[in-house]
Amino acid sequence: MGSEISKQLQKREIVSAEEKTLADLCKTCGWEFPGCDYHPSDRKNWMAGLDPGKVHVNKIIWPGTHDSATNKIGVPLVSRPFAQCQSLSIYDQLVRGARVLDIRVQEDCHVCHGILKTYSIDVVIKDIKKFLSETNSEIILLEIRTEFGREDPPEFDKYLEEHLGEFLIHQDDHVFGKTIAELLPKRIFCVWKPRKSPQPKKGGPLWSAGYLKDHWIDTDLPSTKFESNLNHLREQPPVSSRKFFYRVENTVTPQADNPVLWVKPVTERIRGYARLFIAECFSKGCADRLQILSTDFIDEDFVDACIGLTHARVQGIVK
């Protein structure tokens, strides 16, 4: 018992030290970067506000959400805090400015996170289509994958094509150099990542797993995750030559060796440092590699940071 308490105290000291590392870095280096002062007049239509004819796909800093469809997962105040990563519905996330969605499904077509499940994928599709019906030029990157340890929903590729077909941007390497205007009226990059079923075919309406990459490390240590994100980003080719999307997750997650197991207090250790991360990308010379930045519990400041850097790229202020 005594050794376990000592272990927990030691872990708490490590977490505190890593939180202080990020706080000190922020005080020393700040979080200013080209476009950091930009604020869109309408987050719901921010891509339209940047001029779809000038915004190339590979110039966009895509604000995304991690475990996007978890706003109603589990039982409130019982199991929900252990799995909830977003408090807003899919529709409200899109209205707030999110453009990358991370959806995990299981065999019965319900969204899940670990062992907990929530509403049907139909709810997600309905929210997306509602948003698309109310906007004209916003492009969404929709990632749907079978959750670890679960089975693929049967014939799920056919389901996606049936319900989203009119909006789907077909798999094509040339797309990355095109403008939003050149993609319209198509509106969705849909990356389908089954565990056992065949991957989407080249040229088809769905994109295969290799087109959306990241380097996930499962940790609750904020500075460790921050540095890992920077190191892996530096290894990527610049967006100008890249033929895939690369995502950086500005998140940390609860671990079994720590008594704090609720998502929100753990992810708060890093959530407020998205602007610092972008500033550090410039400091480390890898800002031209940044493309997707995702977070838990998305807010306006996070969205504005991503849009601000996109604006700077579109204006030619930075690459």
C-alpha atoms as a PDB file:
ATOM      1  CA  MET A   1       0.000   0.000   0.000  1.00  0.00           C
ATOM      2  CA  GLY A   2       2.806   2.369   0.963  1.00  0.00           C
ATOM      3  CA  SER A   3       4.706   1.699  -2.270  1.00  0.00           C
ATOM      4  CA  GLU A   4       1.591   2.374  -4.322  1.00  0.00           C
ATOM      5  CA  ILE A   5       1.048   5.726  -2.590  1.00  0.00           C
ATOM      6  CA  SER A   6       4.699   6.598  -3.158  1.00  0.00           C
ATOM      7  CA  LYS A   7       4.343   5.691  -6.844  1.00  0.00           C
ATOM      8  CA  GLN A   8       1.286   7.916  -7.200  1.00  0.00           C
ATOM      9  CA  LEU A   9       3.028  10.836  -5.501  1.00  0.00           C
ATOM     10  CA  GLN A  10       6.000  10.411  -7.804  1.00  0.00           C
ATOM     11  CA  LYS A  11       3.723  10.391 -10.844  1.00  0.00           C
ATOM     12  CA  ARG A  12       2.008  13.553  -9.615  1.00  0.00           C
ATOM     13  CA  GLU A  13       5.400  15.237  -9.312  1.00  0.00           C
ATOM     14  CA  ILE A  14       6.262  14.250 -12.899  1.00  0.00           C
ATOM     15  CA  VAL A  15       2.960  15.599 -14.196  1.00  0.00           C
ATOM     16  CA  SER A  16       3.457  18.873 -12.297  1.00  0.00           C
ATOM     17  CA  ALA A  17       6.979  19.235 -13.629  1.00  0.00           C
ATOM     18  CA  GLU A  18       5.788  18.717 -17.209  1.00  0.00           C
ATOM     19  CA  GLU A  19       2.959  21.207 -16.784  1.00  0.00           C
ATOM     20  CA  LYS A  20       5.504  23.722 -15.503  1.00  0.00           C
ATOM     21  CA  THR A  21       7.759  23.026 -18.503  1.00  0.00           C
ATOM     22  CA  LEU A  22       5.015  24.068 -20.925  1.00  0.00           C
ATOM     23  CA  ALA A  23       4.006  27.064 -18.819  1.00  0.00           C
ATOM     24  CA  ASP A  24       7.625  28.257 -18.655  1.00  0.00           C
ATOM     25  CA  LEU A  25       8.099  27.729 -22.394  1.00  0.00           C
ATOM     26  CA  CYS A  26       5.025  29.826 -23.033  1.00  0.00           C
ATOM     27  CA  LYS A  27       6.345  32.630 -20.818  1.00  0.00           C
ATOM     28  CA  THR A  28       9.765  32.529 -22.445  1.00  0.00           C
ATOM     29  CA  CYS A  29       8.845  32.063 -26.113  1.00  0.00           C
ATOM     30  CA  GLY A  30       5.265  33.296 -26.254  1.00  0.00           C
ATOM     31  CA  TRP A  31       2.706  32.076 -28.711  1.00  0.00           C
ATOM     32  CA  GLU A  32       2.810  34.639 -31.470  1.00  0.00           C
ATOM     33  CA  PHE A  33       3.035  33.476 -35.082  1.00  0.00           C
ATOM     34  CA  PRO A  34       2.026  34.846 -38.510  1.00  0.00           C
ATOM     35  CA  GLY A  35      -1.749  35.203 -38.511  1.00  0.00           C
ATOM     36  CA  CYS A  36      -2.147  34.775 -34.748  1.00  0.00           C
ATOM     37  CA  ASP A  37      -4.224  37.968 -34.498  1.00  0.00           C
ATOM     38  CA  TYR A  38      -6.656  36.956 -37.248  1.00  0.00           C
ATOM     39  CA  HIS A  39     -10.241  36.257 -36.182  1.00  0.00           C
ATOM     40  CA  PRO A  40     -12.852  35.141 -38.731  1.00  0.00           C
ATOM     41  CA  SER A  41     -16.104  37.073 -38.807  1.00  0.00           C
ATOM     42  CA  ASP A  42     -18.040  33.821 -39.300  1.00  0.00           C
ATOM     43  CA  ARG A  43     -16.522  30.553 -38.080  1.00  0.00           C
ATOM     44  CA  LYS A  44     -19.364  28.586 -39.612  1.00  0.00           C
ATOM     45  CA  ASN A  45     -18.257  29.810 -43.060  1.00  0.00           C
ATOM     46  CA  TRP A  46     -14.572  30.469 -42.475  1.00  0.00           C
ATOM     47  CA  MET A  47     -13.374  28.740 -45.638  1.00  0.00           C
ATOM     48  CA  ALA A  48     -15.758  30.831 -47.718  1.00  0.00           C
ATOM     49  CA  GLY A  49     -14.420  33.917 -45.938  1.00  0.00           C
ATOM     50  CA  LEU A  50     -10.872  33.178 -47.141  1.00  0.00           C
ATOM     51  CA  ASP A  51     -11.990  32.980 -50.809  1.00  0.00           C
ATOM     52  CA  PRO A  52     -12.407  29.369 -52.046  1.00  0.00           C
ATOM     53  CA  GLY A  53     -10.713  30.277 -55.321  1.00  0.00           C
ATOM     54  CA  LYS A  54      -7.458  31.071 -53.499  1.00  0.00           C
ATOM     55  CA  VAL A  55      -7.427  28.437 -50.763  1.00  0.00           C
ATOM     56  CA  HIS A  56      -5.525  25.342 -51.872  1.00  0.00           C
ATOM     57  CA  VAL A  57      -6.131  22.111 -49.974  1.00  0.00           C
ATOM     58  CA  ASN A  58      -2.467  21.869 -48.966  1.00  0.00           C
ATOM     59  CA  LYS A  59      -2.501  25.442 -47.575  1.00  0.00           C
ATOM     60  CA  ILE A  60      -5.224  24.753 -45.022  1.00  0.00           C
ATOM     61  CA  ILE A  61      -4.528  24.294 -41.321  1.00  0.00           C
ATOM     62  CA  TRP A  62      -7.431  22.019 -40.522  1.00  0.00           C
ATOM     63  CA  PRO A  63      -8.883  22.385 -36.992  1.00  0.00           C
ATOM     64  CA  GLY A  64     -10.063  18.965 -35.869  1.00  0.00           C
ATOM     65  CA  THR A  65     -11.657  17.209 -32.941  1.00  0.00           C
ATOM     66  CA  HIS A  66     -10.389  14.078 -31.225  1.00  0.00           C
ATOM     67  CA  ASP A  67     -13.010  11.361 -30.534  1.00  0.00           C
ATOM     68  CA  SER A  68     -15.536  13.708 -32.073  1.00  0.00           C
ATOM     69  CA  ALA A  69     -18.828  11.932 -31.373  1.00  0.00           C
ATOM     70  CA  THR A  70     -18.532  11.470 -27.615  1.00  0.00           C
ATOM     71  CA  ASN A  71     -20.708  14.329 -26.381  1.00  0.00           C
ATOM     72  CA  LYS A  72     -23.396  11.919 -25.118  1.00  0.00           C
ATOM     73  CA  ILE A  73     -21.350   8.794 -24.519  1.00  0.00           C
ATOM     74  CA  GLY A  74     -21.920   6.734 -21.362  1.00  0.00           C
ATOM     75  CA  VAL A  75     -23.941   7.722 -18.314  1.00  0.00           C
ATOM     76  CA  PRO A  76     -23.684  11.352 -17.111  1.00  0.00           C
ATOM     77  CA  LEU A  77     -21.480  11.717 -13.999  1.00  0.00           C
ATOM     78  CA  VAL A  78     -20.910   7.942 -13.947  1.00  0.00           C
ATOM     79  CA  SER A  79     -19.136   6.569 -17.031  1.00  0.00           C
ATOM     80  CA  ARG A  80     -19.258   9.629 -19.298  1.00  0.00           C
ATOM     81  CA  PRO A  81     -16.296  11.503 -17.743  1.00  0.00           C
ATOM     82  CA  PHE A  82     -14.045   8.525 -18.514  1.00  0.00           C
ATOM     83  CA  ALA A  83     -14.734   8.649 -22.265  1.00  0.00           C
ATOM     84  CA  GLN A  84     -16.132  12.072 -23.210  1.00  0.00           C
ATOM     85  CA  CYS A  85     -13.706  14.114 -25.317  1.00  0.00           C
ATOM     86  CA  GLN A  86     -16.196  16.636 -26.773  1.00  0.00           C
ATOM     87  CA  SER A  87     -19.150  18.416 -25.188  1.00  0.00           C
ATOM     88  CA  LEU A  88     -20.637  19.645 -28.475  1.00  0.00           C
ATOM     89  CA  SER A  89     -22.619  17.738 -31.089  1.00  0.00           C
ATOM     90  CA  ILE A  90     -21.037  17.099 -34.480  1.00  0.00           C
ATOM     91  CA  TYR A  91     -23.163  19.866 -35.987  1.00  0.00           C
ATOM     92  CA  ASP A  92     -22.142  22.372 -33.308  1.00  0.00           C
ATOM     93  CA  GLN A  93     -18.462  21.466 -33.718  1.00  0.00           C
ATOM     94  CA  LEU A  94     -18.715  22.199 -37.444  1.00  0.00           C
ATOM     95  CA  VAL A  95     -20.499  25.490 -36.767  1.00  0.00           C
ATOM     96  CA  ARG A  96     -17.725  26.409 -34.328  1.00  0.00           C
ATOM     97  CA  GLY A  97     -15.183  25.822 -37.084  1.00  0.00           C
ATOM     98  CA  ALA A  98     -13.977  22.224 -36.804  1.00  0.00           C
ATOM     99  CA  ARG A  99     -13.310  20.656 -40.209  1.00  0.00           C
ATOM    100  CA  VAL A 100     -11.764  17.296 -39.281  1.00  0.00           C
ATOM    101  CA  LEU A 101     -13.880  14.687 -37.505  1.00  0.00           C
ATOM    102  CA  ASP A 102     -12.599  11.543 -35.784  1.00  0.00           C
ATOM    103  CA  ILE A 103     -15.383   8.952 -35.603  1.00  0.00           C
ATOM    104  CA  ARG A 104     -14.983   5.418 -34.187  1.00  0.00           C
ATOM    105  CA  VAL A 105     -17.603   2.745 -34.887  1.00  0.00           C
ATOM    106  CA  GLN A 106     -18.358  -0.833 -33.978  1.00  0.00           C
ATOM    107  CA  GLU A 107     -20.155  -3.699 -35.701  1.00  0.00           C
ATOM    108  CA  ASP A 108     -23.699  -2.453 -34.969  1.00  0.00           C
ATOM    109  CA  CYS A 109     -22.916   0.952 -36.553  1.00  0.00           C
ATOM    110  CA  HIS A 110     -22.937   2.761 -33.229  1.00  0.00           C
ATOM    111  CA  VAL A 111     -20.190   5.229 -32.379  1.00  0.00           C
ATOM    112  CA  CYS A 112     -17.938   4.116 -29.542  1.00  0.00           C
ATOM    113  CA  HIS A 113     -14.874   5.028 -27.507  1.00  0.00           C
ATOM    114  CA  GLY A 114     -13.224   2.047 -25.907  1.00  0.00           C
ATOM    115  CA  ILE A 115     -15.836  -0.148 -24.261  1.00  0.00           C
ATOM    116  CA  LEU A 116     -18.518   2.560 -24.206  1.00  0.00           C
ATOM    117  CA  LYS A 117     -20.869   3.277 -27.077  1.00  0.00           C
ATOM    118  CA  THR A 118     -23.218   6.119 -27.904  1.00  0.00           C
ATOM    119  CA  TYR A 119     -25.628   7.013 -30.704  1.00  0.00           C
ATOM    120  CA  SER A 120     -25.813   5.491 -34.174  1.00  0.00           C
ATOM    121  CA  ILE A 121     -23.599   6.696 -37.011  1.00  0.00           C
ATOM    122  CA  ASP A 122     -26.855   7.957 -38.554  1.00  0.00           C
ATOM    123  CA  VAL A 123     -26.767  10.840 -36.047  1.00  0.00           C
ATOM    124  CA  VAL A 124     -23.304  11.848 -37.253  1.00  0.00           C
ATOM    125  CA  ILE A 125     -24.336  11.699 -40.910  1.00  0.00           C
ATOM    126  CA  LYS A 126     -27.472  13.719 -40.223  1.00  0.00           C
ATOM    127  CA  ASP A 127     -25.474  16.453 -38.462  1.00  0.00           C
ATOM    128  CA  ILE A 128     -22.938  16.624 -41.286  1.00  0.00           C
ATOM    129  CA  LYS A 129     -25.613  16.875 -43.955  1.00  0.00           C
ATOM    130  CA  LYS A 130     -27.429  19.563 -41.988  1.00  0.00           C
ATOM    131  CA  PHE A 131     -24.241  21.618 -41.839  1.00  0.00           C
ATOM    132  CA  LEU A 132     -23.533  21.135 -45.528  1.00  0.00           C
ATOM    133  CA  SER A 133     -27.062  22.223 -46.412  1.00  0.00           C
ATOM    134  CA  GLU A 134     -26.503  25.511 -44.562  1.00  0.00           C
ATOM    135  CA  THR A 135     -23.106  26.321 -46.105  1.00  0.00           C
ATOM    136  CA  ASN A 136     -21.716  26.445 -49.625  1.00  0.00           C
ATOM    137  CA  SER A 137     -17.931  26.234 -49.568  1.00  0.00           C
ATOM    138  CA  GLU A 138     -16.880  24.421 -46.387  1.00  0.00           C
ATOM    139  CA  ILE A 139     -14.886  21.213 -46.889  1.00  0.00           C
ATOM    140  CA  ILE A 140     -14.879  18.452 -44.247  1.00  0.00           C
ATOM    141  CA  LEU A 141     -12.309  15.735 -43.648  1.00  0.00           C
ATOM    142  CA  LEU A 142     -14.277  12.847 -42.152  1.00  0.00           C
ATOM    143  CA  GLU A 143     -12.280   9.981 -40.681  1.00  0.00           C
ATOM    144  CA  ILE A 144     -14.294   6.888 -39.731  1.00  0.00           C
ATOM    145  CA  ARG A 145     -12.538   3.870 -38.306  1.00  0.00           C
ATOM    146  CA  THR A 146     -13.464   0.676 -36.557  1.00  0.00           C
ATOM    147  CA  GLU A 147     -12.546   1.031 -32.894  1.00  0.00           C
ATOM    148  CA  PHE A 148      -9.695  -1.133 -31.606  1.00  0.00           C
ATOM    149  CA  GLY A 149     -11.001  -4.526 -30.476  1.00  0.00           C
ATOM    150  CA  ARG A 150     -14.270  -4.170 -32.389  1.00  0.00           C
ATOM    151  CA  GLU A 151     -15.509  -5.709 -35.625  1.00  0.00           C
ATOM    152  CA  ASP A 152     -16.145  -3.763 -38.826  1.00  0.00           C
ATOM    153  CA  PRO A 153     -19.766  -2.829 -39.540  1.00  0.00           C
ATOM    154  CA  PRO A 154     -20.930  -5.051 -42.434  1.00  0.00           C
ATOM    155  CA  GLU A 155     -20.795  -3.404 -45.881  1.00  0.00           C
ATOM    156  CA  PHE A 156     -20.020  -0.070 -44.268  1.00  0.00           C
ATOM    157  CA  ASP A 157     -18.374   1.298 -47.383  1.00  0.00           C
ATOM    158  CA  LYS A 158     -21.674   0.911 -49.210  1.00  0.00           C
ATOM    159  CA  TYR A 159     -23.470   2.687 -46.361  1.00  0.00           C
ATOM    160  CA  LEU A 160     -21.118   5.683 -46.608  1.00  0.00           C
ATOM    161  CA  GLU A 161     -21.430   5.880 -50.391  1.00  0.00           C
ATOM    162  CA  GLU A 162     -25.214   5.660 -50.192  1.00  0.00           C
ATOM    163  CA  HIS A 163     -25.589   8.400 -47.584  1.00  0.00           C
ATOM    164  CA  LEU A 164     -22.772  10.764 -48.583  1.00  0.00           C
ATOM    165  CA  GLY A 165     -22.175   9.934 -52.232  1.00  0.00           C
ATOM    166  CA  GLU A 166     -23.197  13.294 -53.689  1.00  0.00           C
ATOM    167  CA  PHE A 167     -20.677  15.077 -51.438  1.00  0.00           C
ATOM    168  CA  LEU A 168     -17.709  12.705 -51.632  1.00  0.00           C
ATOM    169  CA  ILE A 169     -14.413  13.896 -53.109  1.00  0.00           C
ATOM    170  CA  HIS A 170     -12.888  10.894 -54.872  1.00  0.00           C
ATOM    171  CA  GLN A 171      -9.472   9.561 -53.932  1.00  0.00           C
ATOM    172  CA  ASP A 172      -6.964  11.355 -56.161  1.00  0.00           C
ATOM    173  CA  ASP A 173      -3.415  12.538 -55.396  1.00  0.00           C
ATOM    174  CA  HIS A 174      -3.925  15.636 -57.573  1.00  0.00           C
ATOM    175  CA  VAL A 175      -6.537  16.955 -55.146  1.00  0.00           C
ATOM    176  CA  PHE A 176      -3.925  18.259 -52.699  1.00  0.00           C
ATOM    177  CA  GLY A 177      -2.857  20.985 -55.121  1.00  0.00           C
ATOM    178  CA  LYS A 178      -6.387  22.073 -55.995  1.00  0.00           C
ATOM    179  CA  THR A 179      -8.367  24.963 -54.544  1.00  0.00           C
ATOM    180  CA  ILE A 180     -11.601  24.593 -52.638  1.00  0.00           C
ATOM    181  CA  ALA A 181     -13.432  26.139 -55.596  1.00  0.00           C
ATOM    182  CA  GLU A 182     -12.062  23.414 -57.871  1.00  0.00           C
ATOM    183  CA  LEU A 183     -13.450  20.710 -55.568  1.00  0.00           C
ATOM    184  CA  LEU A 184     -16.953  22.116 -55.290  1.00  0.00           C
ATOM    185  CA  PRO A 185     -19.740  21.007 -55.266  1.00  0.00           C
ATOM    186  CA  LYS A 186     -18.035  18.001 -53.633  1.00  0.00           C
ATOM    187  CA  ARG A 187     -17.505  18.694 -49.947  1.00  0.00           C
ATOM    188  CA  ILE A 188     -16.180  15.655 -48.046  1.00  0.00           C
ATOM    189  CA  PHE A 189     -12.909  13.775 -47.885  1.00  0.00           C
ATOM    190  CA  CYS A 190     -14.077  10.518 -46.282  1.00  0.00           C
ATOM    191  CA  VAL A 191     -11.264   8.313 -44.966  1.00  0.00           C
ATOM    192  CA  TRP A 192     -12.596   4.850 -44.097  1.00  0.00           C
ATOM    193  CA  LYS A 193     -10.293   2.749 -41.914  1.00  0.00           C
ATOM    194  CA  PRO A 194     -11.703  -0.760 -41.404  1.00  0.00           C
ATOM    195  CA  ARG A 195      -9.818  -3.267 -39.254  1.00  0.00           C
ATOM    196  CA  LYS A 196     -10.397  -6.364 -41.408  1.00  0.00           C
ATOM    197  CA  SER A 197     -12.539  -5.380 -44.400  1.00  0.00           C
ATOM    198  CA  PRO A 198     -10.812  -4.370 -47.663  1.00  0.00           C
ATOM    199  CA  GLN A 199      -9.386  -0.856 -47.835  1.00  0.00           C
ATOM    200  CA  PRO A 200     -11.066   1.620 -50.226  1.00  0.00           C
ATOM    201  CA  LYS A 201      -9.761   1.319 -53.773  1.00  0.00           C
ATOM    202  CA  LYS A 202      -7.724   3.971 -55.523  1.00  0.00           C
ATOM    203  CA  GLY A 203      -9.906   6.374 -57.484  1.00  0.00           C
ATOM    204  CA  GLY A 204     -13.036   5.471 -55.547  1.00  0.00           C
ATOM    205  CA  PRO A 205     -15.265   7.767 -53.471  1.00  0.00           C
ATOM    206  CA  LEU A 206     -13.639   6.769 -50.163  1.00  0.00           C
ATOM    207  CA  TRP A 207     -10.021   7.359 -49.124  1.00  0.00           C
ATOM    208  CA  SER A 208      -7.827   4.616 -47.652  1.00  0.00           C
ATOM    209  CA  ALA A 209      -6.016   4.729 -44.300  1.00  0.00           C
ATOM    210  CA  GLY A 210      -2.667   5.811 -45.742  1.00  0.00           C
ATOM    211  CA  TYR A 211      -4.092   9.198 -46.691  1.00  0.00           C
ATOM    212  CA  LEU A 212      -4.525  10.261 -43.054  1.00  0.00           C
ATOM    213  CA  LYS A 213      -1.478   9.663 -40.883  1.00  0.00           C
ATOM    214  CA  ASP A 214      -0.434  10.578 -37.369  1.00  0.00           C
ATOM    215  CA  HIS A 215       1.926   9.399 -34.640  1.00  0.00           C
ATOM    216  CA  TRP A 216      -0.125   8.750 -31.544  1.00  0.00           C
ATOM    217  CA  ILE A 217       1.635   8.240 -28.216  1.00  0.00           C
ATOM    218  CA  ASP A 218      -0.668   7.283 -25.388  1.00  0.00           C
ATOM    219  CA  THR A 219       0.414   9.443 -22.455  1.00  0.00           C
ATOM    220  CA  ASP A 220      -0.941  11.778 -19.813  1.00  0.00           C
ATOM    221  CA  LEU A 221       2.318  13.773 -19.712  1.00  0.00           C
ATOM    222  CA  PRO A 222       1.820  17.095 -21.538  1.00  0.00           C
ATOM    223  CA  SER A 223       5.415  18.096 -22.272  1.00  0.00           C
ATOM    224  CA  THR A 224       6.228  14.558 -23.419  1.00  0.00           C
ATOM    225  CA  LYS A 225       3.332  14.649 -25.868  1.00  0.00           C
ATOM    226  CA  PHE A 226       4.174  18.192 -26.992  1.00  0.00           C
ATOM    227  CA  GLU A 227       7.794  17.269 -27.809  1.00  0.00           C
ATOM    228  CA  SER A 228       6.765  14.010 -29.483  1.00  0.00           C
ATOM    229  CA  ASN A 229       4.351  15.923 -31.714  1.00  0.00           C
ATOM    230  CA  LEU A 230       7.091  18.362 -32.727  1.00  0.00           C
ATOM    231  CA  ASN A 231       9.656  15.630 -33.372  1.00  0.00           C
ATOM    232  CA  HIS A 232       7.331  13.559 -35.558  1.00  0.00           C
ATOM    233  CA  LEU A 233       6.122  16.638 -37.433  1.00  0.00           C
ATOM    234  CA  ARG A 234       9.716  17.558 -38.292  1.00  0.00           C
ATOM    235  CA  GLU A 235      10.088  14.157 -39.969  1.00  0.00           C
ATOM    236  CA  GLN A 236       7.234  14.820 -42.421  1.00  0.00           C
ATOM    237  CA  PRO A 237       7.618  16.265 -45.908  1.00  0.00           C
ATOM    238  CA  PRO A 238       6.358  19.843 -46.415  1.00  0.00           C
ATOM    239  CA  VAL A 239       2.664  20.173 -47.250  1.00  0.00           C
ATOM    240  CA  SER A 240       3.606  21.473 -50.707  1.00  0.00           C
ATOM    241  CA  SER A 241       4.912  18.032 -51.699  1.00  0.00           C
ATOM    242  CA  ARG A 242       2.827  15.795 -49.439  1.00  0.00           C
ATOM    243  CA  LYS A 243       0.167  13.532 -50.943  1.00  0.00           C
ATOM    244  CA  PHE A 244      -1.504  12.649 -47.677  1.00  0.00           C
ATOM    245  CA  PHE A 245      -2.953  14.424 -44.646  1.00  0.00           C
ATOM    246  CA  TYR A 246      -0.877  14.492 -41.457  1.00  0.00           C
ATOM    247  CA  ARG A 247      -2.521  15.093 -38.080  1.00  0.00           C
ATOM    248  CA  VAL A 248      -1.078  16.364 -34.827  1.00  0.00           C
ATOM    249  CA  GLU A 249      -3.209  15.608 -31.758  1.00  0.00           C
ATOM    250  CA  ASN A 250      -3.000  18.351 -29.122  1.00  0.00           C
ATOM    251  CA  THR A 251      -4.257  15.905 -26.481  1.00  0.00           C
ATOM    252  CA  VAL A 252      -3.136  13.792 -23.565  1.00  0.00           C
ATOM    253  CA  THR A 253      -5.186  10.909 -22.186  1.00  0.00           C
ATOM    254  CA  PRO A 254      -5.745   9.257 -18.800  1.00  0.00           C
ATOM    255  CA  GLN A 255      -3.467   6.367 -17.835  1.00  0.00           C
ATOM    256  CA  ALA A 256      -4.141   3.450 -15.530  1.00  0.00           C
ATOM    257  CA  ASP A 257      -1.134   4.265 -13.325  1.00  0.00           C
ATOM    258  CA  ASN A 258      -2.599   7.608 -12.256  1.00  0.00           C
ATOM    259  CA  PRO A 259      -5.638   8.206 -10.017  1.00  0.00           C
ATOM    260  CA  VAL A 260      -6.931  10.946 -12.343  1.00  0.00           C
ATOM    261  CA  LEU A 261      -8.912   8.961 -14.922  1.00  0.00           C
ATOM    262  CA  TRP A 262     -11.426  11.525 -16.155  1.00  0.00           C
ATOM    263  CA  VAL A 263     -10.617  12.853 -19.605  1.00  0.00           C
ATOM    264  CA  LYS A 264     -11.211  16.564 -19.084  1.00  0.00           C
ATOM    265  CA  PRO A 265      -8.841  17.312 -16.181  1.00  0.00           C
ATOM    266  CA  VAL A 266      -6.116  15.263 -17.860  1.00  0.00           C
ATOM    267  CA  THR A 267      -6.425  16.777 -21.344  1.00  0.00           C
ATOM    268  CA  GLU A 268      -6.532  20.279 -19.824  1.00  0.00           C
ATOM    269  CA  ARG A 269      -2.819  19.811 -19.133  1.00  0.00           C
ATOM    270  CA  ILE A 270      -2.084  20.444 -22.827  1.00  0.00           C
ATOM    271  CA  ARG A 271      -5.297  21.754 -24.380  1.00  0.00           C
ATOM    272  CA  GLY A 272      -4.481  25.437 -23.931  1.00  0.00           C
ATOM    273  CA  TYR A 273      -1.097  25.191 -25.632  1.00  0.00           C
ATOM    274  CA  ALA A 274      -2.152  24.901 -29.278  1.00  0.00           C
ATOM    275  CA  ARG A 275      -0.938  28.417 -30.055  1.00  0.00           C
ATOM    276  CA  LEU A 276       2.363  27.672 -28.330  1.00  0.00           C
ATOM    277  CA  PHE A 277       2.704  24.558 -30.487  1.00  0.00           C
ATOM    278  CA  ILE A 278       2.191  26.556 -33.693  1.00  0.00           C
ATOM    279  CA  ALA A 279       4.719  29.162 -32.513  1.00  0.00           C
ATOM    280  CA  GLU A 280       7.215  26.396 -31.740  1.00  0.00           C
ATOM    281  CA  CYS A 281       6.681  24.959 -35.228  1.00  0.00           C
ATOM    282  CA  PHE A 282       8.010  28.253 -36.590  1.00  0.00           C
ATOM    283  CA  SER A 283      10.835  28.318 -34.061  1.00  0.00           C
ATOM    284  CA  LYS A 284      11.880  24.767 -34.989  1.00  0.00           C
ATOM    285  CA  GLY A 285      11.536  25.337 -38.734  1.00  0.00           C
ATOM    286  CA  CYS A 286       8.694  22.903 -39.361  1.00  0.00           C
ATOM    287  CA  ALA A 287       5.679  25.217 -39.764  1.00  0.00           C
ATOM    288  CA  ASP A 288       5.537  24.282 -43.452  1.00  0.00           C
ATOM    289  CA  ARG A 289       4.708  20.727 -42.352  1.00  0.00           C
ATOM    290  CA  LEU A 290       1.755  21.567 -40.122  1.00  0.00           C
ATOM    291  CA  GLN A 291      -1.603  20.566 -41.597  1.00  0.00           C
ATOM    292  CA  ILE A 292      -4.171  19.087 -39.176  1.00  0.00           C
ATOM    293  CA  LEU A 293      -4.270  20.089 -35.514  1.00  0.00           C
ATOM    294  CA  SER A 294      -6.861  18.298 -33.381  1.00  0.00           C
ATOM    295  CA  THR A 295      -8.001  18.785 -29.817  1.00  0.00           C
ATOM    296  CA  ASP A 296     -10.402  17.638 -27.132  1.00  0.00           C
ATOM    297  CA  PHE A 297     -13.253  19.983 -26.159  1.00  0.00           C
ATOM    298  CA  ILE A 298     -12.728  22.322 -29.102  1.00  0.00           C
ATOM    299  CA  ASP A 299     -13.185  26.056 -28.513  1.00  0.00           C
ATOM    300  CA  GLU A 300     -13.116  29.272 -30.554  1.00  0.00           C
ATOM    301  CA  ASP A 301      -9.534  30.195 -29.668  1.00  0.00           C
ATOM    302  CA  PHE A 302      -8.230  26.870 -30.989  1.00  0.00           C
ATOM    303  CA  VAL A 303     -10.202  27.308 -34.225  1.00  0.00           C
ATOM    304  CA  ASP A 304      -9.019  30.911 -34.649  1.00  0.00           C
ATOM    305  CA  ALA A 305      -5.374  29.861 -34.259  1.00  0.00           C
ATOM    306  CA  CYS A 306      -5.725  27.354 -37.102  1.00  0.00           C
ATOM    307  CA  ILE A 307      -7.658  29.734 -39.333  1.00  0.00           C
ATOM    308  CA  GLY A 308      -5.196  32.542 -38.623  1.00  0.00           C
ATOM    309  CA  LEU A 309      -2.251  30.497 -39.881  1.00  0.00           C
ATOM    310  CA  THR A 310      -4.322  29.370 -42.892  1.00  0.00           C
ATOM    311  CA  HIS A 311      -5.015  33.042 -43.665  1.00  0.00           C
ATOM    312  CA  ALA A 312      -1.288  33.801 -43.463  1.00  0.00           C
ATOM    313  CA  ARG A 313      -0.540  30.986 -45.897  1.00  0.00           C
ATOM    314  CA  VAL A 314      -3.241  32.043 -48.344  1.00  0.00           C
ATOM    315  CA  GLN A 315      -1.950  35.631 -48.246  1.00  0.00           C
ATOM    316  CA  GLY A 316       1.558  34.393 -48.989  1.00  0.00           C
ATOM    317  CA  ILE A 317       2.928  35.665 -45.670  1.00  0.00           C
ATOM    318  CA  VAL A 318       4.285  32.178 -44.896  1.00  0.00           C
ATOM    319  CA  LYS A 319       4.533  28.900 -46.807  1.00  0.00           C
END
